[in-house]
Amino acid sequence: MTAPTQDPTPWELLRAMQQMRDDLRADFAAFTARLAEMVTKIEYDADRRTDDIRLKAIEDDLAEVKRARESEAQDARAVRRLALTALISPIVVGVLVAAIVAKLGL
C-alpha cells in the first residue's frame, strides 16, 4: 500500500495561484480607487493659497467694518455734544442776561 502524499497537485497549485492573482487584482483595484480620491500636493497647496486669500479678504472686510463702526461712534458723540451745546447754551445765555439785567436794575 502506498501512503497518500501531502504535496498539492499541479491543478491545485494553478487554482491557488489564480485565486491569489484575482485577490491581488481586487486589492489593486481598491487601491487605485482610493488613490483616485486623493489630492495631490499641488492641488492641496493651491487650495491652501485660495483659503489664505479668502481669509485675508474676510479679515480686511472685518477691519473695515470695525473702522466704520468706530467712525460712526465718533460721529454720534459729536452729534450728541452739538445737540447738548445747542440746548444748554441758550439757557446759559438767558441766565446771564437775567443776571446782568438784575444787576443793572433795568
PDB file of N, CA and C in Angstrom:
ATOM      1  N   MET A   1       0.798  -1.174   0.000  1.00  0.00           N
ATOM      2  CA  MET A   1       0.000   0.000   0.000  1.00  0.00           C
ATOM      3  C   MET A   1       0.850   1.250   0.000  1.00  0.00           C
ATOM      4  N   THR A   2       0.344   2.249  -0.721  1.00  0.00           N
ATOM      5  CA  THR A   2       1.084   3.496  -0.776  1.00  0.00           C
ATOM      6  C   THR A   2       0.421   4.512   0.142  1.00  0.00           C
ATOM      7  N   ALA A   3       1.233   5.349   0.744  1.00  0.00           N
ATOM      8  CA  ALA A   3       0.714   6.398   1.635  1.00  0.00           C
ATOM      9  C   ALA A   3       0.299   7.606   0.792  1.00  0.00           C
ATOM     10  N   PRO A   4      -0.763   8.274   1.206  1.00  0.00           N
ATOM     11  CA  PRO A   4      -1.166   9.462   0.451  1.00  0.00           C
ATOM     12  C   PRO A   4      -0.115  10.565   0.581  1.00  0.00           C
ATOM     13  N   THR A   5       0.118  11.284  -0.491  1.00  0.00           N
ATOM     14  CA  THR A   5       1.119  12.346  -0.479  1.00  0.00           C
ATOM     15  C   THR A   5       0.470  13.653  -0.033  1.00  0.00           C
ATOM     16  N   GLN A   6       1.264  14.458   0.598  1.00  0.00           N
ATOM     17  CA  GLN A   6       0.791  15.759   1.081  1.00  0.00           C
ATOM     18  C   GLN A   6       1.057  16.859   0.058  1.00  0.00           C
ATOM     19  N   ASP A   7       1.740  16.583  -0.984  1.00  0.00           N
ATOM     20  CA  ASP A   7       2.054  17.591  -1.986  1.00  0.00           C
ATOM     21  C   ASP A   7       0.811  17.907  -2.802  1.00  0.00           C
ATOM     22  N   PRO A   8       0.589  19.227  -3.079  1.00  0.00           N
ATOM     23  CA  PRO A   8      -0.568  19.578  -3.904  1.00  0.00           C
ATOM     24  C   PRO A   8      -0.324  19.189  -5.352  1.00  0.00           C
ATOM     25  N   THR A   9      -1.397  18.949  -6.032  1.00  0.00           N
ATOM     26  CA  THR A   9      -1.300  18.610  -7.444  1.00  0.00           C
ATOM     27  C   THR A   9      -1.061  19.871  -8.249  1.00  0.00           C
ATOM     28  N   PRO A  10      -0.567  19.761  -9.452  1.00  0.00           N
ATOM     29  CA  PRO A  10      -0.360  20.952 -10.278  1.00  0.00           C
ATOM     30  C   PRO A  10      -1.654  21.749 -10.476  1.00  0.00           C
ATOM     31  N   TRP A  11      -2.791  21.067 -10.591  1.00  0.00           N
ATOM     32  CA  TRP A  11      -4.060  21.777 -10.772  1.00  0.00           C
ATOM     33  C   TRP A  11      -4.428  22.572  -9.520  1.00  0.00           C
ATOM     34  N   GLU A  12      -4.156  22.011  -8.358  1.00  0.00           N
ATOM     35  CA  GLU A  12      -4.415  22.744  -7.122  1.00  0.00           C
ATOM     36  C   GLU A  12      -3.508  23.966  -7.016  1.00  0.00           C
ATOM     37  N   LEU A  13      -2.251  23.811  -7.400  1.00  0.00           N
ATOM     38  CA  LEU A  13      -1.333  24.957  -7.412  1.00  0.00           C
ATOM     39  C   LEU A  13      -1.805  26.029  -8.384  1.00  0.00           C
ATOM     40  N   LEU A  14      -2.242  25.600  -9.561  1.00  0.00           N
ATOM     41  CA  LEU A  14      -2.743  26.549 -10.552  1.00  0.00           C
ATOM     42  C   LEU A  14      -3.957  27.287 -10.020  1.00  0.00           C
ATOM     43  N   ARG A  15      -4.871  26.552  -9.412  1.00  0.00           N
ATOM     44  CA  ARG A  15      -6.074  27.155  -8.852  1.00  0.00           C
ATOM     45  C   ARG A  15      -5.706  28.158  -7.736  1.00  0.00           C
ATOM     46  N   ALA A  16      -4.769  27.794  -6.879  1.00  0.00           N
ATOM     47  CA  ALA A  16      -4.340  28.681  -5.788  1.00  0.00           C
ATOM     48  C   ALA A  16      -3.681  29.939  -6.347  1.00  0.00           C
ATOM     49  N   MET A  17      -2.875  29.799  -7.390  1.00  0.00           N
ATOM     50  CA  MET A  17      -2.222  30.970  -7.993  1.00  0.00           C
ATOM     51  C   MET A  17      -3.248  31.878  -8.677  1.00  0.00           C
ATOM     52  N   GLN A  18      -4.238  31.288  -9.332  1.00  0.00           N
ATOM     53  CA  GLN A  18      -5.287  32.100  -9.951  1.00  0.00           C
ATOM     54  C   GLN A  18      -6.073  32.857  -8.888  1.00  0.00           C
ATOM     55  N   GLN A  19      -6.334  32.195  -7.772  1.00  0.00           N
ATOM     56  CA  GLN A  19      -7.053  32.866  -6.680  1.00  0.00           C
ATOM     57  C   GLN A  19      -6.224  34.020  -6.114  1.00  0.00           C
ATOM     58  N   MET A  20      -4.919  33.790  -5.950  1.00  0.00           N
ATOM     59  CA  MET A  20      -4.039  34.857  -5.472  1.00  0.00           C
ATOM     60  C   MET A  20      -3.999  36.011  -6.470  1.00  0.00           C
ATOM     61  N   ARG A  21      -3.957  35.692  -7.772  1.00  0.00           N
ATOM     62  CA  ARG A  21      -3.944  36.722  -8.802  1.00  0.00           C
ATOM     63  C   ARG A  21      -5.240  37.527  -8.769  1.00  0.00           C
ATOM     64  N   ASP A  22      -6.379  36.863  -8.633  1.00  0.00           N
ATOM     65  CA  ASP A  22      -7.669  37.559  -8.561  1.00  0.00           C
ATOM     66  C   ASP A  22      -7.751  38.437  -7.312  1.00  0.00           C
ATOM     67  N   ASP A  23      -7.256  37.921  -6.184  1.00  0.00           N
ATOM     68  CA  ASP A  23      -7.234  38.715  -4.953  1.00  0.00           C
ATOM     69  C   ASP A  23      -6.347  39.944  -5.114  1.00  0.00           C
ATOM     70  N   LEU A  24      -5.199  39.752  -5.734  1.00  0.00           N
ATOM     71  CA  LEU A  24      -4.276  40.864  -5.952  1.00  0.00           C
ATOM     72  C   LEU A  24      -4.890  41.912  -6.874  1.00  0.00           C
ATOM     73  N   ARG A  25      -5.576  41.476  -7.918  1.00  0.00           N
ATOM     74  CA  ARG A  25      -6.253  42.423  -8.814  1.00  0.00           C
ATOM     75  C   ARG A  25      -7.326  43.212  -8.065  1.00  0.00           C
ATOM     76  N   ALA A  26      -8.088  42.520  -7.230  1.00  0.00           N
ATOM     77  CA  ALA A  26      -9.125  43.211  -6.450  1.00  0.00           C
ATOM     78  C   ALA A  26      -8.488  44.223  -5.494  1.00  0.00           C
ATOM     79  N   ASP A  27      -7.385  43.835  -4.859  1.00  0.00           N
ATOM     80  CA  ASP A  27      -6.688  44.757  -3.954  1.00  0.00           C
ATOM     81  C   ASP A  27      -6.148  45.966  -4.706  1.00  0.00           C
ATOM     82  N   PHE A  28      -5.560  45.723  -5.893  1.00  0.00           N
ATOM     83  CA  PHE A  28      -5.059  46.846  -6.692  1.00  0.00           C
ATOM     84  C   PHE A  28      -6.200  47.745  -7.165  1.00  0.00           C
ATOM     85  N   ALA A  29      -7.338  47.172  -7.499  1.00  0.00           N
ATOM     86  CA  ALA A  29      -8.487  47.976  -7.912  1.00  0.00           C
ATOM     87  C   ALA A  29      -8.967  48.854  -6.758  1.00  0.00           C
ATOM     88  N   ALA A  30      -9.017  48.289  -5.563  1.00  0.00           N
ATOM     89  CA  ALA A  30      -9.416  49.077  -4.390  1.00  0.00           C
ATOM     90  C   ALA A  30      -8.391  50.163  -4.102  1.00  0.00           C
ATOM     91  N   PHE A  31      -7.117  49.830  -4.223  1.00  0.00           N
ATOM     92  CA  PHE A  31      -6.045  50.806  -4.005  1.00  0.00           C
ATOM     93  C   PHE A  31      -6.114  51.930  -5.033  1.00  0.00           C
ATOM     94  N   THR A  32      -6.360  51.583  -6.277  1.00  0.00           N
ATOM     95  CA  THR A  32      -6.481  52.587  -7.337  1.00  0.00           C
ATOM     96  C   THR A  32      -7.666  53.504  -7.081  1.00  0.00           C
ATOM     97  N   ALA A  33      -8.769  52.932  -6.626  1.00  0.00           N
ATOM     98  CA  ALA A  33      -9.949  53.755  -6.318  1.00  0.00           C
ATOM     99  C   ALA A  33      -9.638  54.723  -5.182  1.00  0.00           C
ATOM    100  N   ARG A  34      -8.915  54.276  -4.175  1.00  0.00           N
ATOM    101  CA  ARG A  34      -8.547  55.160  -3.066  1.00  0.00           C
ATOM    102  C   ARG A  34      -7.578  56.236  -3.531  1.00  0.00           C
ATOM    103  N   LEU A  35      -6.637  55.868  -4.402  1.00  0.00           N
ATOM    104  CA  LEU A  35      -5.693  56.856  -4.921  1.00  0.00           C
ATOM    105  C   LEU A  35      -6.408  57.918  -5.757  1.00  0.00           C
ATOM    106  N   ALA A  36      -7.438  57.515  -6.463  1.00  0.00           N
ATOM    107  CA  ALA A  36      -8.188  58.469  -7.286  1.00  0.00           C
ATOM    108  C   ALA A  36      -8.870  59.520  -6.416  1.00  0.00           C
ATOM    109  N   GLU A  37      -9.170  59.169  -5.171  1.00  0.00           N
ATOM    110  CA  GLU A  37      -9.814  60.110  -4.263  1.00  0.00           C
ATOM    111  C   GLU A  37      -8.813  61.053  -3.603  1.00  0.00           C
ATOM    112  N   MET A  38      -7.545  60.725  -3.665  1.00  0.00           N
ATOM    113  CA  MET A  38      -6.508  61.525  -3.015  1.00  0.00           C
ATOM    114  C   MET A  38      -6.292  62.835  -3.774  1.00  0.00           C
ATOM    115  N   VAL A  39      -5.807  63.822  -3.030  1.00  0.00           N
ATOM    116  CA  VAL A  39      -5.496  65.127  -3.594  1.00  0.00           C
ATOM    117  C   VAL A  39      -3.977  65.237  -3.696  1.00  0.00           C
ATOM    118  N   THR A  40      -3.511  65.767  -4.811  1.00  0.00           N
ATOM    119  CA  THR A  40      -2.064  65.925  -4.962  1.00  0.00           C
ATOM    120  C   THR A  40      -1.575  67.095  -4.118  1.00  0.00           C
ATOM    121  N   LYS A  41      -0.281  67.133  -3.872  1.00  0.00           N
ATOM    122  CA  LYS A  41       0.300  68.212  -3.082  1.00  0.00           C
ATOM    123  C   LYS A  41       0.099  69.551  -3.779  1.00  0.00           C
ATOM    124  N   ILE A  42       0.182  69.563  -5.084  1.00  0.00           N
ATOM    125  CA  ILE A  42      -0.007  70.804  -5.842  1.00  0.00           C
ATOM    126  C   ILE A  42      -1.432  71.322  -5.640  1.00  0.00           C
ATOM    127  N   GLU A  43      -2.409  70.428  -5.752  1.00  0.00           N
ATOM    128  CA  GLU A  43      -3.799  70.842  -5.547  1.00  0.00           C
ATOM    129  C   GLU A  43      -4.019  71.301  -4.109  1.00  0.00           C
ATOM    130  N   TYR A  44      -3.431  70.585  -3.159  1.00  0.00           N
ATOM    131  CA  TYR A  44      -3.572  70.953  -1.750  1.00  0.00           C
ATOM    132  C   TYR A  44      -2.981  72.341  -1.499  1.00  0.00           C
ATOM    133  N   ASP A  45      -1.791  72.594  -2.028  1.00  0.00           N
ATOM    134  CA  ASP A  45      -1.157  73.903  -1.856  1.00  0.00           C
ATOM    135  C   ASP A  45      -1.982  75.002  -2.510  1.00  0.00           C
ATOM    136  N   ALA A  46      -2.544  74.724  -3.678  1.00  0.00           N
ATOM    137  CA  ALA A  46      -3.391  75.716  -4.353  1.00  0.00           C
ATOM    138  C   ALA A  46      -4.640  76.004  -3.516  1.00  0.00           C
ATOM    139  N   ASP A  47      -5.239  74.966  -2.954  1.00  0.00           N
ATOM    140  CA  ASP A  47      -6.407  75.169  -2.094  1.00  0.00           C
ATOM    141  C   ASP A  47      -6.039  75.980  -0.852  1.00  0.00           C
ATOM    142  N   ARG A  48      -4.878  75.713  -0.277  1.00  0.00           N
ATOM    143  CA  ARG A  48      -4.426  76.462   0.903  1.00  0.00           C
ATOM    144  C   ARG A  48      -4.225  77.941   0.547  1.00  0.00           C
ATOM    145  N   ARG A  49      -3.614  78.199  -0.618  1.00  0.00           N
ATOM    146  CA  ARG A  49      -3.417  79.595  -1.024  1.00  0.00           C
ATOM    147  C   ARG A  49      -4.762  80.286  -1.237  1.00  0.00           C
ATOM    148  N   THR A  50      -5.699  79.581  -1.856  1.00  0.00           N
ATOM    149  CA  THR A  50      -7.031  80.152  -2.062  1.00  0.00           C
ATOM    150  C   THR A  50      -7.709  80.436  -0.722  1.00  0.00           C
ATOM    151  N   ASP A  51      -7.585  79.507   0.214  1.00  0.00           N
ATOM    152  CA  ASP A  51      -8.161  79.719   1.545  1.00  0.00           C
ATOM    153  C   ASP A  51      -7.514  80.909   2.236  1.00  0.00           C
ATOM    154  N   ASP A  52      -6.191  81.040   2.098  1.00  0.00           N
ATOM    155  CA  ASP A  52      -5.495  82.177   2.696  1.00  0.00           C
ATOM    156  C   ASP A  52      -5.965  83.495   2.095  1.00  0.00           C
ATOM    157  N   ILE A  53      -6.178  83.505   0.784  1.00  0.00           N
ATOM    158  CA  ILE A  53      -6.667  84.726   0.125  1.00  0.00           C
ATOM    159  C   ILE A  53      -8.063  85.069   0.630  1.00  0.00           C
ATOM    160  N   ARG A  54      -8.932  84.057   0.754  1.00  0.00           N
ATOM    161  CA  ARG A  54     -10.287  84.291   1.254  1.00  0.00           C
ATOM    162  C   ARG A  54     -10.265  84.812   2.686  1.00  0.00           C
ATOM    163  N   LEU A  55      -9.422  84.191   3.533  1.00  0.00           N
ATOM    164  CA  LEU A  55      -9.335  84.638   4.925  1.00  0.00           C
ATOM    165  C   LEU A  55      -8.816  86.069   5.004  1.00  0.00           C
ATOM    166  N   LYS A  56      -7.834  86.405   4.177  1.00  0.00           N
ATOM    167  CA  LYS A  56      -7.299  87.770   4.163  1.00  0.00           C
ATOM    168  C   LYS A  56      -8.387  88.755   3.753  1.00  0.00           C
ATOM    169  N   ALA A  57      -9.196  88.398   2.756  1.00  0.00           N
ATOM    170  CA  ALA A  57     -10.283  89.274   2.316  1.00  0.00           C
ATOM    171  C   ALA A  57     -11.315  89.449   3.432  1.00  0.00           C
ATOM    172  N   ILE A  58     -11.633  88.365   4.139  1.00  0.00           N
ATOM    173  CA  ILE A  58     -12.590  88.457   5.245  1.00  0.00           C
ATOM    174  C   ILE A  58     -12.019  89.314   6.365  1.00  0.00           C
ATOM    175  N   GLU A  59     -10.739  89.138   6.684  1.00  0.00           N
ATOM    176  CA  GLU A  59     -10.111  89.946   7.728  1.00  0.00           C
ATOM    177  C   GLU A  59     -10.098  91.410   7.335  1.00  0.00           C
ATOM    178  N   ASP A  60      -9.819  91.711   6.071  1.00  0.00           N
ATOM    179  CA  ASP A  60      -9.836  93.097   5.607  1.00  0.00           C
ATOM    180  C   ASP A  60     -11.235  93.690   5.715  1.00  0.00           C
ATOM    181  N   ASP A  61     -12.246  92.910   5.322  1.00  0.00           N
ATOM    182  CA  ASP A  61     -13.625  93.388   5.436  1.00  0.00           C
ATOM    183  C   ASP A  61     -13.999  93.634   6.890  1.00  0.00           C
ATOM    184  N   LEU A  62     -13.579  92.759   7.777  1.00  0.00           N
ATOM    185  CA  LEU A  62     -13.873  92.913   9.196  1.00  0.00           C
ATOM    186  C   LEU A  62     -13.194  94.157   9.750  1.00  0.00           C
ATOM    187  N   ALA A  63     -11.943  94.386   9.364  1.00  0.00           N
ATOM    188  CA  ALA A  63     -11.234  95.589   9.806  1.00  0.00           C
ATOM    189  C   ALA A  63     -11.938  96.846   9.293  1.00  0.00           C
ATOM    190  N   GLU A  64     -12.412  96.789   8.064  1.00  0.00           N
ATOM    191  CA  GLU A  64     -13.130  97.936   7.502  1.00  0.00           C
ATOM    192  C   GLU A  64     -14.428  98.195   8.257  1.00  0.00           C
ATOM    193  N   VAL A  65     -15.145  97.123   8.605  1.00  0.00           N
ATOM    194  CA  VAL A  65     -16.386  97.280   9.373  1.00  0.00           C
ATOM    195  C   VAL A  65     -16.086  97.877  10.746  1.00  0.00           C
ATOM    196  N   LYS A  66     -15.001  97.435  11.377  1.00  0.00           N
ATOM    197  CA  LYS A  66     -14.628  97.989  12.690  1.00  0.00           C
ATOM    198  C   LYS A  66     -14.297  99.470  12.580  1.00  0.00           C
ATOM    199  N   ARG A  67     -13.542  99.843  11.531  1.00  0.00           N
ATOM    200  CA  ARG A  67     -13.217 101.257  11.335  1.00  0.00           C
ATOM    201  C   ARG A  67     -14.483 102.077  11.105  1.00  0.00           C
ATOM    202  N   ALA A  68     -15.402 101.535  10.313  1.00  0.00           N
ATOM    203  CA  ALA A  68     -16.658 102.255  10.049  1.00  0.00           C
ATOM    204  C   ALA A  68     -17.468 102.402  11.326  1.00  0.00           C
ATOM    205  N   ARG A  69     -17.499 101.348  12.149  1.00  0.00           N
ATOM    206  CA  ARG A  69     -18.245 101.411  13.414  1.00  0.00           C
ATOM    207  C   ARG A  69     -17.637 102.455  14.349  1.00  0.00           C
ATOM    208  N   GLU A  70     -16.297 102.493  14.442  1.00  0.00           N
ATOM    209  CA  GLU A  70     -15.642 103.490  15.283  1.00  0.00           C
ATOM    210  C   GLU A  70     -15.905 104.897  14.772  1.00  0.00           C
ATOM    211  N   SER A  71     -15.877 105.071  13.459  1.00  0.00           N
ATOM    212  CA  SER A  71     -16.161 106.377  12.864  1.00  0.00           C
ATOM    213  C   SER A  71     -17.596 106.809  13.152  1.00  0.00           C
ATOM    214  N   GLU A  72     -18.533 105.868  13.039  1.00  0.00           N
ATOM    215  CA  GLU A  72     -19.927 106.192  13.345  1.00  0.00           C
ATOM    216  C   GLU A  72     -20.107 106.528  14.815  1.00  0.00           C
ATOM    217  N   ALA A  73     -19.389 105.849  15.687  1.00  0.00           N
ATOM    218  CA  ALA A  73     -19.479 106.148  17.125  1.00  0.00           C
ATOM    219  C   ALA A  73     -18.934 107.540  17.409  1.00  0.00           C
ATOM    220  N   GLN A  74     -17.832 107.903  16.765  1.00  0.00           N
ATOM    221  CA  GLN A  74     -17.284 109.250  16.951  1.00  0.00           C
ATOM    222  C   GLN A  74     -18.251 110.305  16.413  1.00  0.00           C
ATOM    223  N   ASP A  75     -18.854 110.034  15.270  1.00  0.00           N
ATOM    224  CA  ASP A  75     -19.826 110.961  14.711  1.00  0.00           C
ATOM    225  C   ASP A  75     -21.028 111.107  15.640  1.00  0.00           C
ATOM    226  N   ALA A  76     -21.482 110.006  16.215  1.00  0.00           N
ATOM    227  CA  ALA A  76     -22.621 110.063  17.134  1.00  0.00           C
ATOM    228  C   ALA A  76     -22.271 110.870  18.366  1.00  0.00           C
ATOM    229  N   ARG A  77     -21.045 110.706  18.906  1.00  0.00           N
ATOM    230  CA  ARG A  77     -20.629 111.510  20.066  1.00  0.00           C
ATOM    231  C   ARG A  77     -20.590 112.989  19.711  1.00  0.00           C
ATOM    232  N   ALA A  78     -20.090 113.298  18.527  1.00  0.00           N
ATOM    233  CA  ALA A  78     -20.031 114.701  18.094  1.00  0.00           C
ATOM    234  C   ALA A  78     -21.430 115.279  17.947  1.00  0.00           C
ATOM    235  N   VAL A  79     -22.355 114.510  17.406  1.00  0.00           N
ATOM    236  CA  VAL A  79     -23.734 114.992  17.249  1.00  0.00           C
ATOM    237  C   VAL A  79     -24.375 115.195  18.618  1.00  0.00           C
ATOM    238  N   ARG A  80     -24.144 114.268  19.555  1.00  0.00           N
ATOM    239  CA  ARG A  80     -24.703 114.431  20.910  1.00  0.00           C
ATOM    240  C   ARG A  80     -24.124 115.665  21.586  1.00  0.00           C
ATOM    241  N   ARG A  81     -22.811 115.882  21.432  1.00  0.00           N
ATOM    242  CA  ARG A  81     -22.167 117.055  22.018  1.00  0.00           C
ATOM    243  C   ARG A  81     -22.748 118.330  21.416  1.00  0.00           C
ATOM    244  N   LEU A  82     -22.954 118.344  20.113  1.00  0.00           N
ATOM    245  CA  LEU A  82     -23.526 119.509  19.439  1.00  0.00           C
ATOM    246  C   LEU A  82     -24.963 119.748  19.898  1.00  0.00           C
ATOM    247  N   ALA A  83     -25.757 118.688  20.019  1.00  0.00           N
ATOM    248  CA  ALA A  83     -27.142 118.833  20.474  1.00  0.00           C
ATOM    249  C   ALA A  83     -27.193 119.338  21.910  1.00  0.00           C
ATOM    250  N   LEU A  84     -26.313 118.816  22.758  1.00  0.00           N
ATOM    251  CA  LEU A  84     -26.281 119.270  24.149  1.00  0.00           C
ATOM    252  C   LEU A  84     -25.877 120.734  24.222  1.00  0.00           C
ATOM    253  N   THR A  85     -24.907 121.119  23.429  1.00  0.00           N
ATOM    254  CA  THR A  85     -24.483 122.522  23.385  1.00  0.00           C
ATOM    255  C   THR A  85     -25.615 123.405  22.874  1.00  0.00           C
ATOM    256  N   ALA A  86     -26.335 122.954  21.876  1.00  0.00           N
ATOM    257  CA  ALA A  86     -27.441 123.741  21.317  1.00  0.00           C
ATOM    258  C   ALA A  86     -28.572 123.898  22.328  1.00  0.00           C
ATOM    259  N   LEU A  87     -28.746 122.956  23.226  1.00  0.00           N
ATOM    260  CA  LEU A  87     -29.797 123.063  24.237  1.00  0.00           C
ATOM    261  C   LEU A  87     -29.357 123.866  25.453  1.00  0.00           C
ATOM    262  N   ILE A  88     -28.116 123.703  25.868  1.00  0.00           N
ATOM    263  CA  ILE A  88     -27.661 124.342  27.100  1.00  0.00           C
ATOM    264  C   ILE A  88     -27.249 125.792  26.875  1.00  0.00           C
ATOM    265  N   SER A  89     -26.643 126.126  25.756  1.00  0.00           N
ATOM    266  CA  SER A  89     -26.141 127.489  25.549  1.00  0.00           C
ATOM    267  C   SER A  89     -27.248 128.540  25.596  1.00  0.00           C
ATOM    268  N   PRO A  90     -28.442 128.347  25.041  1.00  0.00           N
ATOM    269  CA  PRO A  90     -29.460 129.393  25.187  1.00  0.00           C
ATOM    270  C   PRO A  90     -29.896 129.580  26.650  1.00  0.00           C
ATOM    271  N   ILE A  91     -29.888 128.484  27.392  1.00  0.00           N
ATOM    272  CA  ILE A  91     -30.271 128.589  28.803  1.00  0.00           C
ATOM    273  C   ILE A  91     -29.210 129.383  29.562  1.00  0.00           C
ATOM    274  N   VAL A  92     -27.938 129.079  29.301  1.00  0.00           N
ATOM    275  CA  VAL A  92     -26.852 129.809  29.964  1.00  0.00           C
ATOM    276  C   VAL A  92     -26.894 131.281  29.577  1.00  0.00           C
ATOM    277  N   VAL A  93     -27.111 131.582  28.312  1.00  0.00           N
ATOM    278  CA  VAL A  93     -27.186 132.982  27.864  1.00  0.00           C
ATOM    279  C   VAL A  93     -28.372 133.685  28.527  1.00  0.00           C
ATOM    280  N   GLY A  94     -29.496 132.990  28.598  1.00  0.00           N
ATOM    281  CA  GLY A  94     -30.673 133.589  29.250  1.00  0.00           C
ATOM    282  C   GLY A  94     -30.416 133.873  30.721  1.00  0.00           C
ATOM    283  N   VAL A  95     -29.756 132.958  31.425  1.00  0.00           N
ATOM    284  CA  VAL A  95     -29.445 133.184  32.843  1.00  0.00           C
ATOM    285  C   VAL A  95     -28.470 134.341  32.975  1.00  0.00           C
ATOM    286  N   LEU A  96     -27.463 134.429  32.119  1.00  0.00           N
ATOM    287  CA  LEU A  96     -26.510 135.538  32.173  1.00  0.00           C
ATOM    288  C   LEU A  96     -27.189 136.876  31.889  1.00  0.00           C
ATOM    289  N   VAL A  97     -28.048 136.906  30.894  1.00  0.00           N
ATOM    290  CA  VAL A  97     -28.766 138.144  30.569  1.00  0.00           C
ATOM    291  C   VAL A  97     -29.649 138.549  31.745  1.00  0.00           C
ATOM    292  N   ALA A  98     -30.339 137.573  32.350  1.00  0.00           N
ATOM    293  CA  ALA A  98     -31.179 137.881  33.505  1.00  0.00           C
ATOM    294  C   ALA A  98     -30.351 138.392  34.660  1.00  0.00           C
ATOM    295  N   ALA A  99     -29.158 137.815  34.889  1.00  0.00           N
ATOM    296  CA  ALA A  99     -28.303 138.270  35.988  1.00  0.00           C
ATOM    297  C   ALA A  99     -27.791 139.665  35.718  1.00  0.00           C
ATOM    298  N   ILE A 100     -27.395 139.945  34.479  1.00  0.00           N
ATOM    299  CA  ILE A 100     -26.886 141.277  34.134  1.00  0.00           C
ATOM    300  C   ILE A 100     -27.985 142.314  34.247  1.00  0.00           C
ATOM    301  N   VAL A 101     -29.175 141.961  33.773  1.00  0.00           N
ATOM    302  CA  VAL A 101     -30.294 142.899  33.853  1.00  0.00           C
ATOM    303  C   VAL A 101     -30.654 143.158  35.319  1.00  0.00           C
ATOM    304  N   ALA A 102     -30.584 142.132  36.147  1.00  0.00           N
ATOM    305  CA  ALA A 102     -30.921 142.292  37.569  1.00  0.00           C
ATOM    306  C   ALA A 102     -29.890 143.182  38.245  1.00  0.00           C
ATOM    307  N   LYS A 103     -28.611 143.052  37.883  1.00  0.00           N
ATOM    308  CA  LYS A 103     -27.583 143.895  38.491  1.00  0.00           C
ATOM    309  C   LYS A 103     -27.698 145.327  38.027  1.00  0.00           C
ATOM    310  N   LEU A 104     -28.045 145.524  36.770  1.00  0.00           N
ATOM    311  CA  LEU A 104     -28.165 146.878  36.235  1.00  0.00           C
ATOM    312  C   LEU A 104     -29.451 147.535  36.722  1.00  0.00           C
ATOM    313  N   GLY A 105     -30.356 146.766  37.128  1.00  0.00           N
ATOM    314  CA  GLY A 105     -31.605 147.277  37.641  1.00  0.00           C
ATOM    315  C   GLY A 105     -32.551 147.797  36.582  1.00  0.00           C
ATOM    316  N   LEU A 106     -32.460 147.286  35.432  1.00  0.00           N
ATOM    317  CA  LEU A 106     -33.370 147.732  34.383  1.00  0.00           C
ATOM    318  C   LEU A 106     -34.651 147.083  34.485  1.00  0.00           C
TER     319      LEU A 106
END
